[in-house]
Amino acid sequence: MEFSRPSRGRHGQFFGREMKSPAVGLSWGMKRTPPPSVRATLMGGFLALGLIGIVGQPARAALSTDFPTALEEQGTTLIRAGATHLKVGWIFSVYDAAYYVAEGSTAIDSLTRDVARRLDIRYLRSIPKDQFVAYADKALARMLTPAELEALTDRIKQINAAYQDVSEGDRYSLTYLPGVGTRLDLNGKELVLIPGADFALAYFRIWTDASNPYTQFRQGLMGLTK
């Protein structure tokens, strides 16, 4: 879903009165809170990146404390490549996120090489599980060939089944270690471990792939912002 740009036309006065979401055909007064059904549609889930009009924001100062510069995972040192903040339509804060890669590697290396990596996300509002699954499936279908998708189908179903609803303050982390697999944690508790370097290369692309139309977010996450 994408938001219309500020306009003086009938689609809404951006700051004064009304904003319209062309994807769902709904509008509401900017001085009123949108109804729950609209808020749910807008949030989309942390996997909605690149699919619902999310705008990446420069990393806030607080991100330096929210996400440490280095982590240890089973003897592997992971260095933070970048951190950023996401909003929907410049209005609703969704989450803060950071991306880590193995020491000695770069975020770009992680796009094609079998290197350790981790995505940490701290939620700023509640998001239901079904939205994670729907947007993940849509993103993977968009990026992968039918053959690639078929090879991953069973493992995608595994991770989809593991997702849970999140509330403000919850933290998801997705960690890949070569020879171990991709682990999904919620608030430090392991939910599932998915084997295969091929799965990690495909799944992390939901956020890191160069085809992501939301360039600012991707660049901030991967530490490419100048």
C-alpha atoms as a PDB file:
ATOM      1  CA  MET A   1       0.000   0.000   0.000  1.00  0.00           C
ATOM      2  CA  GLU A   2       1.320   3.420  -0.905  1.00  0.00           C
ATOM      3  CA  PHE A   3       0.239   6.767   0.407  1.00  0.00           C
ATOM      4  CA  SER A   4      -0.581   9.610  -1.902  1.00  0.00           C
ATOM      5  CA  ARG A   5       1.836  12.491  -1.921  1.00  0.00           C
ATOM      6  CA  PRO A   6       0.835  15.798  -0.275  1.00  0.00           C
ATOM      7  CA  SER A   7      -1.753  17.367  -2.507  1.00  0.00           C
ATOM      8  CA  ARG A   8      -4.212  20.199  -2.757  1.00  0.00           C
ATOM      9  CA  GLY A   9      -6.646  18.052  -4.694  1.00  0.00           C
ATOM     10  CA  ARG A  10      -9.696  16.208  -3.454  1.00  0.00           C
ATOM     11  CA  HIS A  11      -7.508  13.328  -2.220  1.00  0.00           C
ATOM     12  CA  GLY A  12      -6.693  15.311   0.867  1.00  0.00           C
ATOM     13  CA  GLN A  13      -4.972  18.178   2.508  1.00  0.00           C
ATOM     14  CA  PHE A  14      -1.870  16.539   3.932  1.00  0.00           C
ATOM     15  CA  PHE A  15      -1.514  18.598   7.090  1.00  0.00           C
ATOM     16  CA  GLY A  16      -4.884  20.196   7.575  1.00  0.00           C
ATOM     17  CA  ARG A  17      -7.780  17.905   7.109  1.00  0.00           C
ATOM     18  CA  GLU A  18      -7.746  14.654   5.300  1.00  0.00           C
ATOM     19  CA  MET A  19      -5.409  11.992   3.931  1.00  0.00           C
ATOM     20  CA  LYS A  20      -6.476   9.219   1.610  1.00  0.00           C
ATOM     21  CA  SER A  21      -4.983   5.768   1.105  1.00  0.00           C
ATOM     22  CA  PRO A  22      -5.570   4.954  -2.569  1.00  0.00           C
ATOM     23  CA  ALA A  23      -4.883   1.261  -2.013  1.00  0.00           C
ATOM     24  CA  VAL A  24      -7.894   0.735   0.249  1.00  0.00           C
ATOM     25  CA  GLY A  25     -10.023   3.694  -0.808  1.00  0.00           C
ATOM     26  CA  LEU A  26     -10.349   5.014   2.736  1.00  0.00           C
ATOM     27  CA  SER A  27      -9.789   8.428   4.191  1.00  0.00           C
ATOM     28  CA  TRP A  28      -9.971   9.978   7.621  1.00  0.00           C
ATOM     29  CA  GLY A  29      -9.470  13.329   9.305  1.00  0.00           C
ATOM     30  CA  MET A  30      -5.867  13.882  10.322  1.00  0.00           C
ATOM     31  CA  LYS A  31      -7.086  15.148  13.707  1.00  0.00           C
ATOM     32  CA  ARG A  32      -8.849  11.854  14.433  1.00  0.00           C
ATOM     33  CA  THR A  33      -7.422   8.398  15.081  1.00  0.00           C
ATOM     34  CA  PRO A  34      -8.217   6.042  12.164  1.00  0.00           C
ATOM     35  CA  PRO A  35     -10.519   3.110  12.977  1.00  0.00           C
ATOM     36  CA  PRO A  36      -8.957  -0.244  14.006  1.00  0.00           C
ATOM     37  CA  SER A  37      -9.583  -1.822  10.611  1.00  0.00           C
ATOM     38  CA  VAL A  38      -7.646   0.976   8.923  1.00  0.00           C
ATOM     39  CA  ARG A  39      -4.794   0.841  11.438  1.00  0.00           C
ATOM     40  CA  ALA A  40      -4.454  -2.919  10.915  1.00  0.00           C
ATOM     41  CA  THR A  41      -4.339  -2.476   7.161  1.00  0.00           C
ATOM     42  CA  LEU A  42      -1.705   0.225   7.458  1.00  0.00           C
ATOM     43  CA  MET A  43       0.685  -1.616   9.743  1.00  0.00           C
ATOM     44  CA  GLY A  44       1.131  -4.653   7.551  1.00  0.00           C
ATOM     45  CA  GLY A  45       3.747  -6.355   9.697  1.00  0.00           C
ATOM     46  CA  PHE A  46       7.519  -6.184   9.799  1.00  0.00           C
ATOM     47  CA  LEU A  47       7.634  -8.253   6.641  1.00  0.00           C
ATOM     48  CA  ALA A  48       5.639  -5.637   4.804  1.00  0.00           C
ATOM     49  CA  LEU A  49       8.825  -3.767   3.944  1.00  0.00           C
ATOM     50  CA  GLY A  50       8.653  -2.680   0.349  1.00  0.00           C
ATOM     51  CA  LEU A  51       5.015  -3.716   0.084  1.00  0.00           C
ATOM     52  CA  ILE A  52       2.906  -1.181   2.020  1.00  0.00           C
ATOM     53  CA  GLY A  53       4.505   2.154   1.383  1.00  0.00           C
ATOM     54  CA  ILE A  54       6.792   2.168   4.422  1.00  0.00           C
ATOM     55  CA  VAL A  55       9.240   5.030   4.489  1.00  0.00           C
ATOM     56  CA  GLY A  56      12.683   4.525   5.983  1.00  0.00           C
ATOM     57  CA  GLN A  57      13.921   7.211   8.326  1.00  0.00           C
ATOM     58  CA  PRO A  58      17.512   8.037   9.269  1.00  0.00           C
ATOM     59  CA  ALA A  59      18.672   6.141  12.348  1.00  0.00           C
ATOM     60  CA  ARG A  60      17.646   7.891  15.557  1.00  0.00           C
ATOM     61  CA  ALA A  61      20.248   8.576  18.219  1.00  0.00           C
ATOM     62  CA  ALA A  62      18.487   6.082  20.490  1.00  0.00           C
ATOM     63  CA  LEU A  63      19.215   3.257  18.054  1.00  0.00           C
ATOM     64  CA  SER A  64      22.842   3.241  19.173  1.00  0.00           C
ATOM     65  CA  THR A  65      21.681   2.011  22.568  1.00  0.00           C
ATOM     66  CA  ASP A  66      18.726  -0.059  21.358  1.00  0.00           C
ATOM     67  CA  PHE A  67      21.062  -2.123  19.179  1.00  0.00           C
ATOM     68  CA  PRO A  68      24.667  -2.759  20.292  1.00  0.00           C
ATOM     69  CA  THR A  69      27.496  -2.363  17.815  1.00  0.00           C
ATOM     70  CA  ALA A  70      28.513  -6.032  18.153  1.00  0.00           C
ATOM     71  CA  LEU A  71      26.958  -9.348  19.198  1.00  0.00           C
ATOM     72  CA  GLU A  72      28.283 -12.830  19.877  1.00  0.00           C
ATOM     73  CA  GLU A  73      26.476 -15.852  18.438  1.00  0.00           C
ATOM     74  CA  GLN A  74      27.913 -19.294  19.197  1.00  0.00           C
ATOM     75  CA  GLY A  75      31.472 -18.055  18.914  1.00  0.00           C
ATOM     76  CA  THR A  76      30.813 -15.811  15.908  1.00  0.00           C
ATOM     77  CA  THR A  77      31.159 -12.036  16.269  1.00  0.00           C
ATOM     78  CA  LEU A  78      28.486 -10.080  14.419  1.00  0.00           C
ATOM     79  CA  ILE A  79      29.077  -6.391  13.692  1.00  0.00           C
ATOM     80  CA  ARG A  80      26.221  -3.958  13.215  1.00  0.00           C
ATOM     81  CA  ALA A  81      26.143  -2.802   9.601  1.00  0.00           C
ATOM     82  CA  GLY A  82      23.321  -0.312  10.034  1.00  0.00           C
ATOM     83  CA  ALA A  83      20.205   0.649  11.983  1.00  0.00           C
ATOM     84  CA  THR A  84      17.087   2.520  10.980  1.00  0.00           C
ATOM     85  CA  HIS A  85      13.530   3.444  11.914  1.00  0.00           C
ATOM     86  CA  LEU A  86      10.380   2.748   9.912  1.00  0.00           C
ATOM     87  CA  LYS A  87       7.174   4.711   9.627  1.00  0.00           C
ATOM     88  CA  VAL A  88       4.045   4.256   7.543  1.00  0.00           C
ATOM     89  CA  GLY A  89       3.148   7.334   5.578  1.00  0.00           C
ATOM     90  CA  TRP A  90       5.271   9.629   7.772  1.00  0.00           C
ATOM     91  CA  ILE A  91       2.719   9.167  10.562  1.00  0.00           C
ATOM     92  CA  PHE A  92       2.761   5.744  12.234  1.00  0.00           C
ATOM     93  CA  SER A  93       6.013   4.480  13.721  1.00  0.00           C
ATOM     94  CA  VAL A  94       6.223   0.727  13.110  1.00  0.00           C
ATOM     95  CA  TYR A  95       9.599  -0.516  14.325  1.00  0.00           C
ATOM     96  CA  ASP A  96      13.307   0.066  14.757  1.00  0.00           C
ATOM     97  CA  ALA A  97      15.659  -2.387  13.073  1.00  0.00           C
ATOM     98  CA  ALA A  98      19.358  -3.259  12.870  1.00  0.00           C
ATOM     99  CA  TYR A  99      21.314  -5.554  10.576  1.00  0.00           C
ATOM    100  CA  TYR A 100      24.465  -7.441  11.588  1.00  0.00           C
ATOM    101  CA  VAL A 101      27.018  -9.406   9.588  1.00  0.00           C
ATOM    102  CA  ALA A 102      29.988 -11.568  10.519  1.00  0.00           C
ATOM    103  CA  GLU A 103      33.124  -9.683  11.516  1.00  0.00           C
ATOM    104  CA  GLY A 104      35.298  -9.201   8.441  1.00  0.00           C
ATOM    105  CA  SER A 105      32.298  -9.263   6.087  1.00  0.00           C
ATOM    106  CA  THR A 106      30.073  -6.501   4.778  1.00  0.00           C
ATOM    107  CA  ALA A 107      26.322  -6.215   4.364  1.00  0.00           C
ATOM    108  CA  ILE A 108      26.845  -6.452   0.602  1.00  0.00           C
ATOM    109  CA  ASP A 109      28.747  -9.730   1.113  1.00  0.00           C
ATOM    110  CA  SER A 110      25.685 -11.165   2.817  1.00  0.00           C
ATOM    111  CA  LEU A 111      23.636 -10.795  -0.353  1.00  0.00           C
ATOM    112  CA  THR A 112      25.558 -13.532  -2.170  1.00  0.00           C
ATOM    113  CA  ARG A 113      27.974 -15.200   0.256  1.00  0.00           C
ATOM    114  CA  ASP A 114      27.412 -17.794   2.957  1.00  0.00           C
ATOM    115  CA  VAL A 115      28.190 -15.514   5.892  1.00  0.00           C
ATOM    116  CA  ALA A 116      26.593 -15.147   9.321  1.00  0.00           C
ATOM    117  CA  ARG A 117      23.990 -12.409   9.609  1.00  0.00           C
ATOM    118  CA  ARG A 118      21.248 -11.195  11.906  1.00  0.00           C
ATOM    119  CA  LEU A 119      18.221  -8.914  11.696  1.00  0.00           C
ATOM    120  CA  ASP A 120      16.912  -7.404  14.955  1.00  0.00           C
ATOM    121  CA  ILE A 121      13.546  -5.644  15.092  1.00  0.00           C
ATOM    122  CA  ARG A 122      11.967  -3.794  18.017  1.00  0.00           C
ATOM    123  CA  TYR A 123       8.261  -3.121  17.559  1.00  0.00           C
ATOM    124  CA  LEU A 124       6.616   0.186  18.340  1.00  0.00           C
ATOM    125  CA  ARG A 125       3.032  -1.083  17.966  1.00  0.00           C
ATOM    126  CA  SER A 126       1.011  -4.315  17.844  1.00  0.00           C
ATOM    127  CA  ILE A 127       1.009  -6.377  14.641  1.00  0.00           C
ATOM    128  CA  PRO A 128      -0.814  -9.707  14.101  1.00  0.00           C
ATOM    129  CA  LYS A 129       0.886 -12.879  12.902  1.00  0.00           C
ATOM    130  CA  ASP A 130      -1.222 -13.294   9.787  1.00  0.00           C
ATOM    131  CA  GLN A 131       0.141 -10.069   8.334  1.00  0.00           C
ATOM    132  CA  PHE A 132       3.728 -11.312   8.720  1.00  0.00           C
ATOM    133  CA  VAL A 133       2.886 -14.455   6.791  1.00  0.00           C
ATOM    134  CA  ALA A 134       0.916 -12.736   4.034  1.00  0.00           C
ATOM    135  CA  TYR A 135       3.573 -10.157   3.258  1.00  0.00           C
ATOM    136  CA  ALA A 136       6.456 -12.615   3.506  1.00  0.00           C
ATOM    137  CA  ASP A 137       4.790 -14.879   0.981  1.00  0.00           C
ATOM    138  CA  LYS A 138       4.109 -11.960  -1.328  1.00  0.00           C
ATOM    139  CA  ALA A 139       7.684 -10.670  -1.128  1.00  0.00           C
ATOM    140  CA  LEU A 140       9.246 -14.061  -1.775  1.00  0.00           C
ATOM    141  CA  ALA A 141       6.931 -14.734  -4.701  1.00  0.00           C
ATOM    142  CA  ARG A 142       7.945 -11.392  -6.174  1.00  0.00           C
ATOM    143  CA  MET A 143      11.703 -11.932  -5.818  1.00  0.00           C
ATOM    144  CA  LEU A 144      12.220 -15.648  -6.441  1.00  0.00           C
ATOM    145  CA  THR A 145      11.819 -17.774  -9.536  1.00  0.00           C
ATOM    146  CA  PRO A 146       9.172 -20.525  -9.412  1.00  0.00           C
ATOM    147  CA  ALA A 147      11.937 -23.146  -9.109  1.00  0.00           C
ATOM    148  CA  GLU A 148      13.618 -21.306  -6.229  1.00  0.00           C
ATOM    149  CA  LEU A 149      10.310 -20.868  -4.459  1.00  0.00           C
ATOM    150  CA  GLU A 150       9.389 -24.534  -4.863  1.00  0.00           C
ATOM    151  CA  ALA A 151      12.689 -25.626  -3.324  1.00  0.00           C
ATOM    152  CA  LEU A 152      11.954 -23.516  -0.244  1.00  0.00           C
ATOM    153  CA  THR A 153       8.212 -24.128   0.119  1.00  0.00           C
ATOM    154  CA  ASP A 154       8.333 -26.584   3.045  1.00  0.00           C
ATOM    155  CA  ARG A 155      10.781 -24.417   4.982  1.00  0.00           C
ATOM    156  CA  ILE A 156       8.766 -21.268   4.341  1.00  0.00           C
ATOM    157  CA  LYS A 157       5.740 -23.066   5.794  1.00  0.00           C
ATOM    158  CA  GLN A 158       7.833 -23.896   8.877  1.00  0.00           C
ATOM    159  CA  ILE A 159       8.765 -20.324   9.612  1.00  0.00           C
ATOM    160  CA  ASN A 160       5.263 -19.070   8.791  1.00  0.00           C
ATOM    161  CA  ALA A 161       3.830 -21.459  11.378  1.00  0.00           C
ATOM    162  CA  ALA A 162       6.260 -20.171  14.010  1.00  0.00           C
ATOM    163  CA  TYR A 163       5.334 -16.489  13.831  1.00  0.00           C
ATOM    164  CA  GLN A 164       3.336 -14.996  16.697  1.00  0.00           C
ATOM    165  CA  ASP A 165       1.457 -11.747  17.197  1.00  0.00           C
ATOM    166  CA  VAL A 166       3.605  -8.934  18.579  1.00  0.00           C
ATOM    167  CA  SER A 167       2.882  -5.987  20.849  1.00  0.00           C
ATOM    168  CA  GLU A 168       4.702  -2.725  21.440  1.00  0.00           C
ATOM    169  CA  GLY A 169       8.151  -3.447  22.890  1.00  0.00           C
ATOM    170  CA  ASP A 170       8.420  -7.005  21.551  1.00  0.00           C
ATOM    171  CA  ARG A 171      11.574  -7.954  19.666  1.00  0.00           C
ATOM    172  CA  TYR A 172      11.992 -10.405  16.826  1.00  0.00           C
ATOM    173  CA  SER A 173      15.428 -11.520  15.710  1.00  0.00           C
ATOM    174  CA  LEU A 174      16.352 -13.581  12.668  1.00  0.00           C
ATOM    175  CA  THR A 175      19.848 -15.076  12.910  1.00  0.00           C
ATOM    176  CA  TYR A 176      21.703 -17.178  10.350  1.00  0.00           C
ATOM    177  CA  LEU A 177      24.902 -19.090  11.122  1.00  0.00           C
ATOM    178  CA  PRO A 178      26.592 -21.221   8.426  1.00  0.00           C
ATOM    179  CA  GLY A 179      26.227 -24.890   9.195  1.00  0.00           C
ATOM    180  CA  VAL A 180      23.531 -24.179  11.802  1.00  0.00           C
ATOM    181  CA  GLY A 181      20.623 -22.527  10.008  1.00  0.00           C
ATOM    182  CA  THR A 182      18.262 -19.588  10.386  1.00  0.00           C
ATOM    183  CA  ARG A 183      16.796 -19.116  13.858  1.00  0.00           C
ATOM    184  CA  LEU A 184      13.720 -17.036  14.584  1.00  0.00           C
ATOM    185  CA  ASP A 185      13.525 -15.695  18.159  1.00  0.00           C
ATOM    186  CA  LEU A 186      10.820 -13.677  19.882  1.00  0.00           C
ATOM    187  CA  ASN A 187      12.002 -11.769  22.958  1.00  0.00           C
ATOM    188  CA  GLY A 188      15.014 -14.056  23.213  1.00  0.00           C
ATOM    189  CA  LYS A 189      13.024 -17.310  22.964  1.00  0.00           C
ATOM    190  CA  GLU A 190      13.721 -19.596  20.010  1.00  0.00           C
ATOM    191  CA  LEU A 191      10.635 -20.290  17.912  1.00  0.00           C
ATOM    192  CA  VAL A 192      12.091 -22.287  15.019  1.00  0.00           C
ATOM    193  CA  LEU A 193      15.407 -23.197  13.354  1.00  0.00           C
ATOM    194  CA  ILE A 194      15.363 -23.544   9.557  1.00  0.00           C
ATOM    195  CA  PRO A 195      18.272 -25.354   7.842  1.00  0.00           C
ATOM    196  CA  GLY A 196      20.040 -24.349   4.653  1.00  0.00           C
ATOM    197  CA  ALA A 197      22.170 -21.526   3.315  1.00  0.00           C
ATOM    198  CA  ASP A 198      19.764 -21.239   0.389  1.00  0.00           C
ATOM    199  CA  PHE A 199      16.914 -20.406   2.755  1.00  0.00           C
ATOM    200  CA  ALA A 200      18.919 -17.664   4.483  1.00  0.00           C
ATOM    201  CA  LEU A 201      20.021 -16.098   1.199  1.00  0.00           C
ATOM    202  CA  ALA A 202      16.433 -15.941   0.005  1.00  0.00           C
ATOM    203  CA  TYR A 203      14.647 -14.981   3.210  1.00  0.00           C
ATOM    204  CA  PHE A 204      16.854 -12.087   4.302  1.00  0.00           C
ATOM    205  CA  ARG A 205      16.320 -10.574   0.843  1.00  0.00           C
ATOM    206  CA  ILE A 206      12.872  -9.485   2.009  1.00  0.00           C
ATOM    207  CA  TRP A 207      14.745  -6.585   3.645  1.00  0.00           C
ATOM    208  CA  THR A 208      18.134  -6.444   1.934  1.00  0.00           C
ATOM    209  CA  ASP A 209      17.516  -7.048  -1.755  1.00  0.00           C
ATOM    210  CA  ALA A 210      18.515  -4.247  -4.127  1.00  0.00           C
ATOM    211  CA  SER A 211      15.114  -4.502  -5.824  1.00  0.00           C
ATOM    212  CA  ASN A 212      13.449  -3.147  -2.709  1.00  0.00           C
ATOM    213  CA  PRO A 213      11.765   0.038  -3.951  1.00  0.00           C
ATOM    214  CA  TYR A 214      12.199   1.740  -0.565  1.00  0.00           C
ATOM    215  CA  THR A 215      15.814   2.630  -1.013  1.00  0.00           C
ATOM    216  CA  GLN A 216      16.238   4.826   2.047  1.00  0.00           C
ATOM    217  CA  PHE A 217      15.215   2.089   4.457  1.00  0.00           C
ATOM    218  CA  ARG A 218      17.425  -0.536   2.817  1.00  0.00           C
ATOM    219  CA  GLN A 219      20.410   1.792   2.761  1.00  0.00           C
ATOM    220  CA  GLY A 220      20.003   2.671   6.429  1.00  0.00           C
ATOM    221  CA  LEU A 221      19.629  -0.960   7.435  1.00  0.00           C
ATOM    222  CA  MET A 222      22.729  -2.050   5.525  1.00  0.00           C
ATOM    223  CA  GLY A 223      24.839   0.935   6.485  1.00  0.00           C
ATOM    224  CA  LEU A 224      24.939   2.325   2.964  1.00  0.00           C
ATOM    225  CA  THR A 225      23.500   5.758   3.787  1.00  0.00           C
ATOM    226  CA  LYS A 226      26.010   8.489   2.990  1.00  0.00           C
END
